[in-house]
Amino acid sequence: MLTLSGVVRAAMQIGGGVNKKTGEVIPTRSVVQVETQDARGLAQLHVLTVPDHSPYTGQIGERMSFPVRAWAPGGVSVNLTYDPR
């Protein structure tokens, strides 16, 4: 398992509603935005979908670690996803 460590910048619920073209219901999802630094020292913002965002709302501005999975489609960039195992 990998761990993503960074500063929590936002914790909220996004999405929801209905797709106007297809009528498909879009479910809401809880997300946490985590700011990290790359090897050059530049800021990167990662958006992780989590089971519930409410535990993180009081942690904004604090440094935290998140368990994640990583994959690289096409070998161009690495994507991360929350992994609560």
N, C-alpha and C. Protein backbone atom coordinates (compact mmCIF):
# COMPACT_ATOMS: atom_id res chain seq x y z
N MET A 1 0.85 -1.18 0.00
CA MET A 1 0.00 0.00 0.00
C MET A 1 0.89 1.24 0.00
N LEU A 2 0.45 2.25 -0.69
CA LEU A 2 1.13 3.53 -0.75
C LEU A 2 0.43 4.53 0.16
N THR A 3 1.17 5.54 0.57
CA THR A 3 0.59 6.59 1.39
C THR A 3 0.86 7.94 0.74
N LEU A 4 -0.19 8.75 0.60
CA LEU A 4 -0.07 10.11 0.08
C LEU A 4 -0.13 11.04 1.28
N SER A 5 0.92 11.82 1.48
CA SER A 5 0.96 12.78 2.59
C SER A 5 0.95 14.19 2.02
N GLY A 6 0.14 15.04 2.63
CA GLY A 6 0.06 16.42 2.17
C GLY A 6 -0.88 17.22 3.05
N VAL A 7 -1.12 18.45 2.64
CA VAL A 7 -1.98 19.37 3.39
C VAL A 7 -3.39 19.30 2.82
N VAL A 8 -4.36 19.10 3.69
CA VAL A 8 -5.77 19.05 3.27
C VAL A 8 -6.21 20.47 2.92
N ARG A 9 -6.67 20.66 1.69
CA ARG A 9 -7.11 21.98 1.23
C ARG A 9 -8.63 22.12 1.20
N ALA A 10 -9.35 21.02 0.99
CA ALA A 10 -10.82 21.08 0.94
C ALA A 10 -11.37 19.69 1.18
N ALA A 11 -12.56 19.64 1.76
CA ALA A 11 -13.31 18.40 1.94
C ALA A 11 -14.77 18.74 1.70
N MET A 12 -15.36 18.11 0.68
CA MET A 12 -16.73 18.48 0.32
C MET A 12 -17.41 17.36 -0.44
N GLN A 13 -18.69 17.56 -0.69
CA GLN A 13 -19.46 16.64 -1.51
C GLN A 13 -19.72 17.32 -2.84
N ILE A 14 -19.44 16.61 -3.94
CA ILE A 14 -19.63 17.21 -5.26
C ILE A 14 -20.52 16.31 -6.11
N GLY A 15 -20.94 16.83 -7.24
CA GLY A 15 -21.75 16.06 -8.17
C GLY A 15 -23.22 16.16 -7.84
N GLY A 16 -23.94 15.19 -8.29
CA GLY A 16 -25.37 15.18 -8.06
C GLY A 16 -26.11 15.86 -9.19
N GLY A 17 -27.34 15.51 -9.35
CA GLY A 17 -28.16 16.12 -10.39
C GLY A 17 -28.53 15.11 -11.46
N VAL A 18 -28.95 15.64 -12.61
CA VAL A 18 -29.39 14.80 -13.72
C VAL A 18 -28.71 15.29 -14.99
N ASN A 19 -28.18 14.36 -15.79
CA ASN A 19 -27.60 14.68 -17.08
C ASN A 19 -28.73 15.13 -18.02
N LYS A 20 -28.64 16.34 -18.54
CA LYS A 20 -29.72 16.89 -19.35
C LYS A 20 -29.91 16.14 -20.67
N LYS A 21 -28.84 15.60 -21.23
CA LYS A 21 -28.95 14.89 -22.51
C LYS A 21 -29.50 13.49 -22.35
N THR A 22 -29.01 12.75 -21.36
CA THR A 22 -29.39 11.34 -21.23
C THR A 22 -30.43 11.07 -20.16
N GLY A 23 -30.60 12.02 -19.23
CA GLY A 23 -31.54 11.82 -18.13
C GLY A 23 -30.95 10.95 -17.02
N GLU A 24 -29.69 10.59 -17.16
CA GLU A 24 -29.02 9.76 -16.16
C GLU A 24 -28.82 10.53 -14.86
N VAL A 25 -29.11 9.89 -13.74
CA VAL A 25 -28.92 10.51 -12.43
C VAL A 25 -27.44 10.43 -12.08
N ILE A 26 -26.85 11.58 -11.74
CA ILE A 26 -25.44 11.66 -11.37
C ILE A 26 -25.37 11.63 -9.84
N PRO A 27 -24.75 10.60 -9.27
CA PRO A 27 -24.68 10.52 -7.81
C PRO A 27 -23.69 11.54 -7.24
N THR A 28 -23.90 11.92 -5.99
CA THR A 28 -22.94 12.78 -5.31
C THR A 28 -21.79 11.91 -4.83
N ARG A 29 -20.63 12.55 -4.60
CA ARG A 29 -19.49 11.82 -4.04
C ARG A 29 -18.71 12.74 -3.12
N SER A 30 -18.15 12.15 -2.10
CA SER A 30 -17.34 12.88 -1.14
C SER A 30 -15.90 12.91 -1.62
N VAL A 31 -15.29 14.09 -1.62
CA VAL A 31 -13.91 14.23 -2.06
C VAL A 31 -13.09 15.03 -1.06
N VAL A 32 -11.78 14.78 -1.08
CA VAL A 32 -10.82 15.54 -0.29
C VAL A 32 -9.73 16.00 -1.25
N GLN A 33 -9.38 17.29 -1.20
CA GLN A 33 -8.28 17.81 -2.00
C GLN A 33 -7.04 17.88 -1.12
N VAL A 34 -5.95 17.28 -1.61
CA VAL A 34 -4.71 17.22 -0.86
C VAL A 34 -3.61 17.88 -1.67
N GLU A 35 -2.91 18.83 -1.07
CA GLU A 35 -1.81 19.52 -1.75
C GLU A 35 -0.50 18.86 -1.36
N THR A 36 0.28 18.48 -2.38
CA THR A 36 1.59 17.88 -2.16
C THR A 36 2.62 18.67 -2.97
N GLN A 37 3.88 18.26 -2.87
CA GLN A 37 4.93 18.87 -3.68
C GLN A 37 5.59 17.79 -4.51
N ASP A 38 5.89 18.13 -5.78
CA ASP A 38 6.58 17.17 -6.64
C ASP A 38 8.08 17.26 -6.39
N ALA A 39 8.86 16.52 -7.15
CA ALA A 39 10.32 16.46 -6.95
C ALA A 39 10.99 17.82 -7.15
N ARG A 40 10.35 18.71 -7.92
CA ARG A 40 10.91 20.04 -8.16
C ARG A 40 10.49 21.06 -7.11
N GLY A 41 9.61 20.65 -6.21
CA GLY A 41 9.12 21.57 -5.19
C GLY A 41 7.88 22.33 -5.59
N LEU A 42 7.30 21.98 -6.74
CA LEU A 42 6.08 22.64 -7.19
C LEU A 42 4.86 21.99 -6.55
N ALA A 43 3.83 22.78 -6.29
CA ALA A 43 2.62 22.27 -5.66
C ALA A 43 1.78 21.47 -6.64
N GLN A 44 1.22 20.36 -6.16
CA GLN A 44 0.28 19.55 -6.92
C GLN A 44 -0.96 19.36 -6.07
N LEU A 45 -2.11 19.36 -6.70
CA LEU A 45 -3.37 19.16 -6.00
C LEU A 45 -3.98 17.85 -6.45
N HIS A 46 -4.20 16.94 -5.50
CA HIS A 46 -4.80 15.63 -5.78
C HIS A 46 -6.21 15.62 -5.21
N VAL A 47 -7.15 15.14 -6.00
CA VAL A 47 -8.53 15.01 -5.55
C VAL A 47 -8.80 13.53 -5.31
N LEU A 48 -9.08 13.16 -4.07
CA LEU A 48 -9.35 11.78 -3.70
C LEU A 48 -10.83 11.62 -3.37
N THR A 49 -11.47 10.62 -3.95
CA THR A 49 -12.84 10.28 -3.58
C THR A 49 -12.77 9.40 -2.35
N VAL A 50 -13.45 9.79 -1.28
CA VAL A 50 -13.42 9.07 -0.01
C VAL A 50 -14.84 8.64 0.36
N PRO A 51 -14.97 7.64 1.25
CA PRO A 51 -16.31 7.19 1.63
C PRO A 51 -17.15 8.29 2.29
N ASP A 52 -16.50 9.14 3.10
CA ASP A 52 -17.22 10.22 3.79
C ASP A 52 -16.26 11.38 4.01
N HIS A 53 -16.62 12.57 3.56
CA HIS A 53 -15.74 13.73 3.67
C HIS A 53 -15.82 14.42 5.04
N SER A 54 -16.87 14.16 5.80
CA SER A 54 -17.09 14.91 7.05
C SER A 54 -15.96 14.77 8.08
N PRO A 55 -15.26 13.64 8.21
CA PRO A 55 -14.16 13.60 9.18
C PRO A 55 -13.01 14.55 8.82
N TYR A 56 -12.93 14.96 7.56
CA TYR A 56 -11.81 15.79 7.12
C TYR A 56 -12.13 17.28 7.11
N THR A 57 -13.39 17.66 7.32
CA THR A 57 -13.75 19.09 7.26
C THR A 57 -13.07 19.89 8.35
N GLY A 58 -12.83 19.30 9.49
CA GLY A 58 -12.12 19.99 10.58
C GLY A 58 -10.62 19.91 10.46
N GLN A 59 -10.12 19.24 9.43
CA GLN A 59 -8.68 19.05 9.25
C GLN A 59 -8.09 19.93 8.14
N ILE A 60 -8.87 20.86 7.61
CA ILE A 60 -8.38 21.71 6.51
C ILE A 60 -7.20 22.55 7.00
N GLY A 61 -6.12 22.53 6.21
CA GLY A 61 -4.90 23.25 6.55
C GLY A 61 -3.91 22.40 7.33
N GLU A 62 -4.31 21.20 7.70
CA GLU A 62 -3.42 20.31 8.46
C GLU A 62 -2.80 19.27 7.55
N ARG A 63 -1.63 18.79 7.92
CA ARG A 63 -0.94 17.75 7.17
C ARG A 63 -1.50 16.40 7.58
N MET A 64 -1.86 15.58 6.59
CA MET A 64 -2.41 14.25 6.85
C MET A 64 -1.85 13.26 5.84
N SER A 65 -2.03 11.98 6.16
CA SER A 65 -1.64 10.90 5.25
C SER A 65 -2.87 10.10 4.87
N PHE A 66 -2.91 9.66 3.60
CA PHE A 66 -4.04 8.91 3.08
C PHE A 66 -3.53 7.63 2.42
N PRO A 67 -4.17 6.49 2.69
CA PRO A 67 -3.79 5.27 1.98
C PRO A 67 -4.34 5.36 0.54
N VAL A 68 -3.50 5.06 -0.44
CA VAL A 68 -3.91 5.18 -1.84
C VAL A 68 -3.42 3.98 -2.65
N ARG A 69 -4.04 3.79 -3.81
CA ARG A 69 -3.57 2.88 -4.84
C ARG A 69 -3.11 3.75 -6.00
N ALA A 70 -2.14 3.28 -6.76
CA ALA A 70 -1.64 4.05 -7.90
C ALA A 70 -1.68 3.19 -9.16
N TRP A 71 -1.95 3.83 -10.29
CA TRP A 71 -1.88 3.16 -11.58
C TRP A 71 -1.51 4.18 -12.64
N ALA A 72 -0.91 3.70 -13.73
CA ALA A 72 -0.44 4.58 -14.79
C ALA A 72 -0.99 4.11 -16.14
N PRO A 73 -2.16 4.63 -16.53
CA PRO A 73 -2.71 4.23 -17.83
C PRO A 73 -1.86 4.79 -18.97
N GLY A 74 -1.32 3.91 -19.79
CA GLY A 74 -0.50 4.37 -20.90
C GLY A 74 0.90 4.80 -20.50
N GLY A 75 1.22 4.74 -19.22
CA GLY A 75 2.55 5.09 -18.75
C GLY A 75 2.89 6.56 -18.80
N VAL A 76 1.90 7.42 -18.99
CA VAL A 76 2.17 8.85 -19.11
C VAL A 76 2.14 9.54 -17.75
N SER A 77 1.08 9.32 -16.99
CA SER A 77 0.96 9.94 -15.68
C SER A 77 0.48 8.90 -14.68
N VAL A 78 0.68 9.17 -13.41
CA VAL A 78 0.26 8.25 -12.36
C VAL A 78 -1.01 8.80 -11.72
N ASN A 79 -2.03 7.97 -11.63
CA ASN A 79 -3.29 8.34 -10.99
C ASN A 79 -3.35 7.69 -9.60
N LEU A 80 -4.03 8.36 -8.68
CA LEU A 80 -4.17 7.87 -7.32
C LEU A 80 -5.64 7.73 -6.97
N THR A 81 -5.96 6.75 -6.14
CA THR A 81 -7.30 6.59 -5.62
C THR A 81 -7.22 6.17 -4.16
N TYR A 82 -8.15 6.64 -3.36
CA TYR A 82 -8.21 6.32 -1.94
C TYR A 82 -8.40 4.82 -1.76
N ASP A 83 -7.67 4.22 -0.82
CA ASP A 83 -7.74 2.77 -0.57
C ASP A 83 -7.78 2.54 0.93
N PRO A 84 -8.96 2.37 1.52
CA PRO A 84 -9.10 2.30 2.98
C PRO A 84 -8.66 0.99 3.62
N ARG A 85 -8.05 0.08 2.87
CA ARG A 85 -7.67 -1.21 3.46
C ARG A 85 -6.82 -1.09 4.66
